[in-house]
N, C-alpha and C. Protein backbone atom coordinates (compact mmCIF):
# COMPACT_ATOMS: atom_id res chain seq x y z
N MET A 1 4.68 -22.14 48.02
CA MET A 1 5.26 -23.09 49.00
C MET A 1 6.38 -22.53 49.74
N PHE A 2 6.42 -22.69 51.15
CA PHE A 2 7.59 -22.16 52.15
C PHE A 2 8.55 -23.29 51.98
N ILE A 3 9.75 -22.78 52.01
CA ILE A 3 11.25 -23.82 51.99
C ILE A 3 11.86 -23.38 53.29
N ASN A 4 12.25 -24.39 53.84
CA ASN A 4 13.11 -24.29 55.10
C ASN A 4 14.46 -24.37 54.88
N LYS A 5 14.91 -24.07 54.13
CA LYS A 5 16.43 -24.09 53.64
C LYS A 5 16.87 -22.82 53.04
N SER A 6 18.24 -22.58 53.32
CA SER A 6 18.82 -21.29 53.03
C SER A 6 19.14 -21.51 51.37
N SER A 7 19.25 -20.52 50.69
CA SER A 7 19.67 -20.53 49.25
C SER A 7 20.61 -21.62 48.69
N ASP A 8 21.44 -22.03 49.54
CA ASP A 8 22.45 -22.79 49.35
C ASP A 8 22.16 -24.23 49.74
N GLY A 9 20.84 -24.48 50.12
CA GLY A 9 20.37 -25.81 50.30
C GLY A 9 20.68 -26.23 52.00
N LYS A 10 21.19 -25.55 52.61
CA LYS A 10 21.57 -25.82 54.05
C LYS A 10 20.28 -25.35 55.03
N ASN A 11 20.32 -26.22 56.15
CA ASN A 11 19.18 -26.10 57.07
C ASN A 11 19.54 -25.02 58.14
N ASN A 12 20.67 -24.24 58.03
CA ASN A 12 20.72 -22.82 58.82
C ASN A 12 21.67 -22.19 57.98
N ILE A 13 21.79 -20.78 58.39
CA ILE A 13 22.84 -19.95 58.10
C ILE A 13 23.65 -19.54 58.86
N CYS A 14 23.94 -20.14 60.06
CA CYS A 14 25.07 -19.78 61.12
C CYS A 14 25.95 -20.80 61.18
N GLY A 15 26.02 -22.06 60.49
CA GLY A 15 26.85 -23.05 60.77
C GLY A 15 28.23 -22.75 60.14
N ASP A 16 28.33 -22.14 59.02
CA ASP A 16 29.61 -21.75 58.60
C ASP A 16 30.46 -20.69 59.50
N LYS A 17 29.58 -19.72 60.09
CA LYS A 17 30.17 -18.79 60.95
C LYS A 17 30.61 -19.53 62.01
N ILE A 18 29.78 -20.20 62.69
CA ILE A 18 30.25 -21.11 63.85
C ILE A 18 31.56 -21.80 63.78
N ALA A 19 31.45 -22.38 62.51
CA ALA A 19 32.82 -23.39 62.40
C ALA A 19 34.07 -22.35 62.18
N ARG A 20 33.76 -21.24 61.57
CA ARG A 20 35.08 -20.45 61.31
C ARG A 20 35.33 -19.88 62.80
N LEU A 21 34.49 -19.19 63.49
CA LEU A 21 34.80 -18.84 64.87
C LEU A 21 35.45 -19.81 65.59
N ARG A 22 35.04 -21.13 65.53
CA ARG A 22 35.52 -22.29 66.53
C ARG A 22 36.96 -22.52 66.19
N ILE A 23 37.12 -22.47 64.76
CA ILE A 23 38.54 -22.83 64.17
C ILE A 23 39.46 -21.77 64.50
N GLN A 24 39.14 -20.56 64.42
CA GLN A 24 39.97 -19.23 64.86
C GLN A 24 40.38 -19.46 66.34
N SER A 25 39.36 -19.89 67.15
CA SER A 25 39.60 -19.94 68.47
C SER A 25 40.42 -21.07 68.82
N GLY A 26 40.49 -21.94 67.97
CA GLY A 26 41.72 -23.21 68.24
C GLY A 26 41.03 -24.21 69.18
N ILE A 27 39.74 -24.29 69.02
CA ILE A 27 39.12 -25.51 69.71
C ILE A 27 38.36 -26.63 68.92
N SER A 28 38.27 -27.50 69.40
CA SER A 28 37.59 -28.66 68.73
C SER A 28 36.05 -28.74 68.89
N GLN A 29 35.53 -29.41 68.17
CA GLN A 29 33.80 -29.36 68.22
C GLN A 29 33.33 -30.06 69.50
N ARG A 30 34.25 -30.81 70.11
CA ARG A 30 34.03 -31.33 71.46
C ARG A 30 34.02 -30.37 72.54
N ALA A 31 35.19 -29.49 72.34
CA ALA A 31 35.34 -28.46 73.32
C ALA A 31 34.38 -27.38 73.32
N LEU A 32 33.85 -27.13 72.06
CA LEU A 32 32.82 -26.12 71.82
C LEU A 32 31.42 -26.59 72.40
N ALA A 33 30.97 -27.95 72.09
CA ALA A 33 29.88 -28.49 72.75
C ALA A 33 30.13 -28.51 74.42
N ASP A 34 31.19 -28.67 74.87
CA ASP A 34 31.41 -28.64 76.42
C ASP A 34 31.02 -27.16 76.87
N LYS A 35 31.48 -26.25 76.04
CA LYS A 35 31.09 -24.87 76.43
C LYS A 35 29.78 -24.52 76.33
N PHE A 36 28.92 -24.98 75.43
CA PHE A 36 27.62 -24.85 75.12
C PHE A 36 26.78 -25.60 76.31
N GLN A 37 27.19 -26.77 76.67
CA GLN A 37 26.67 -27.45 77.84
C GLN A 37 26.95 -26.75 78.95
N ILE A 38 27.83 -26.17 79.46
CA ILE A 38 28.22 -25.34 80.48
C ILE A 38 27.08 -24.08 80.70
N ALA A 39 26.93 -23.70 79.46
CA ALA A 39 26.08 -22.61 79.35
C ALA A 39 24.54 -22.74 79.31
N GLY A 40 24.23 -24.19 79.19
CA GLY A 40 22.93 -24.72 79.56
C GLY A 40 22.31 -25.12 78.35
N LEU A 41 22.88 -25.09 77.07
CA LEU A 41 22.48 -25.73 76.04
C LEU A 41 23.00 -27.46 75.73
N ASP A 42 22.09 -28.18 75.86
CA ASP A 42 22.27 -29.65 75.72
C ASP A 42 22.53 -30.03 74.43
N ILE A 43 23.77 -30.12 73.92
CA ILE A 43 24.21 -30.21 72.56
C ILE A 43 25.46 -31.09 72.76
N ASP A 44 25.78 -32.00 71.63
CA ASP A 44 26.84 -32.69 71.68
C ASP A 44 27.82 -32.55 70.59
N LYS A 45 28.89 -33.16 70.41
CA LYS A 45 29.79 -32.80 69.20
C LYS A 45 29.19 -33.33 67.96
N ASN A 46 28.63 -34.28 67.88
CA ASN A 46 27.99 -34.66 66.73
C ASN A 46 26.95 -33.60 66.12
N ALA A 47 26.07 -32.99 67.19
CA ALA A 47 25.34 -31.95 66.77
C ALA A 47 25.99 -30.74 66.17
N ILE A 48 27.12 -30.40 66.83
CA ILE A 48 28.15 -29.25 66.26
C ILE A 48 28.44 -29.57 64.89
N GLN A 49 28.64 -30.74 64.68
CA GLN A 49 29.18 -31.29 63.22
C GLN A 49 28.04 -30.92 62.54
N ARG A 50 26.98 -31.47 62.60
CA ARG A 50 25.67 -31.22 61.68
C ARG A 50 25.37 -29.80 61.54
N ILE A 51 25.66 -29.01 62.58
CA ILE A 51 25.27 -27.62 62.53
C ILE A 51 26.21 -26.83 61.58
N GLU A 52 27.47 -27.17 61.68
CA GLU A 52 28.48 -26.42 60.88
C GLU A 52 28.38 -27.10 59.31
N SER A 53 27.92 -28.13 59.14
CA SER A 53 27.88 -28.70 57.70
C SER A 53 26.49 -28.20 57.23
N GLY A 54 25.70 -27.57 58.10
CA GLY A 54 24.36 -27.19 57.60
C GLY A 54 23.35 -28.29 57.59
N LYS A 55 23.53 -29.38 58.18
CA LYS A 55 22.58 -30.50 58.11
C LYS A 55 21.40 -30.57 59.16
N ARG A 56 21.68 -29.45 60.14
CA ARG A 56 20.72 -29.34 61.50
C ARG A 56 20.19 -28.14 61.39
N PHE A 57 18.92 -28.01 61.70
CA PHE A 57 18.26 -26.62 62.14
C PHE A 57 18.89 -26.24 63.42
N VAL A 58 18.89 -25.10 63.67
CA VAL A 58 19.09 -24.25 65.02
C VAL A 58 17.94 -23.45 65.26
N THR A 59 17.56 -23.63 66.49
CA THR A 59 16.50 -22.95 67.16
C THR A 59 16.79 -21.65 67.49
N ASP A 60 15.95 -20.69 67.81
CA ASP A 60 16.42 -19.24 68.29
C ASP A 60 16.88 -19.27 69.68
N ILE A 61 16.48 -20.32 70.35
CA ILE A 61 17.22 -20.32 71.78
C ILE A 61 18.66 -20.87 71.77
N GLU A 62 18.79 -21.79 70.83
CA GLU A 62 20.12 -22.35 70.53
C GLU A 62 20.99 -21.15 70.14
N LEU A 63 20.35 -20.23 69.21
CA LEU A 63 21.28 -19.22 68.66
C LEU A 63 21.67 -18.02 69.61
N LYS A 64 20.82 -17.92 70.56
CA LYS A 64 21.01 -17.00 71.64
C LYS A 64 22.28 -17.51 72.54
N VAL A 65 22.26 -18.63 73.03
CA VAL A 65 23.35 -19.33 73.75
C VAL A 65 24.53 -19.29 72.99
N MET A 66 24.56 -19.80 71.79
CA MET A 66 25.72 -19.87 71.25
C MET A 66 26.38 -18.67 70.64
N ALA A 67 25.72 -17.54 70.76
CA ALA A 67 26.10 -16.16 70.41
C ALA A 67 26.83 -15.69 71.68
N ALA A 68 26.31 -15.93 72.86
CA ALA A 68 26.61 -15.70 74.04
C ALA A 68 27.99 -16.24 74.28
N VAL A 69 28.14 -17.62 74.13
CA VAL A 69 29.28 -18.39 74.26
C VAL A 69 30.44 -17.75 73.39
N LEU A 70 30.22 -17.43 72.10
CA LEU A 70 31.16 -17.28 71.14
C LEU A 70 31.43 -15.69 71.40
N GLU A 71 30.84 -14.95 72.04
CA GLU A 71 31.08 -13.54 72.36
C GLU A 71 30.91 -13.01 71.12
N ILE A 72 29.58 -12.98 70.49
CA ILE A 72 29.21 -12.46 69.32
C ILE A 72 27.54 -12.16 69.32
N THR A 73 27.25 -11.43 68.48
CA THR A 73 25.89 -11.01 68.49
C THR A 73 24.94 -12.13 67.65
N VAL A 74 23.68 -12.29 67.82
CA VAL A 74 22.94 -13.13 67.14
C VAL A 74 22.87 -12.69 65.60
N ASP A 75 22.75 -11.42 65.38
CA ASP A 75 22.79 -10.81 64.06
C ASP A 75 24.10 -11.25 63.36
N ALA A 76 25.13 -11.20 63.94
CA ALA A 76 26.44 -11.54 63.36
C ALA A 76 26.59 -12.91 62.94
N LEU A 77 25.89 -13.91 63.92
CA LEU A 77 25.76 -15.25 63.52
C LEU A 77 24.95 -15.47 62.25
N LEU A 78 24.05 -14.58 62.11
CA LEU A 78 23.23 -14.73 60.95
C LEU A 78 23.63 -14.05 59.63
N GLU A 79 24.67 -13.20 59.76
CA GLU A 79 25.20 -12.47 58.29
C GLU A 79 25.95 -13.70 57.55
């Protein structure tokens, strides 16, 4: 049986890293969502909250844009 969750039961493995980077940058979830939207990713503050908590899946397209906005590699987001 295939499982769509990480070993800790979350729906993504990049949420914790995104939250740390956002907090280190001193910006809010709303401000991060705005940056993603400017980059062409249609995402809101609530989606950011769900991603950071591991409740929302993240697509490969979203990962690519998020990495670019956060100035980090996709691989680094997935570590």
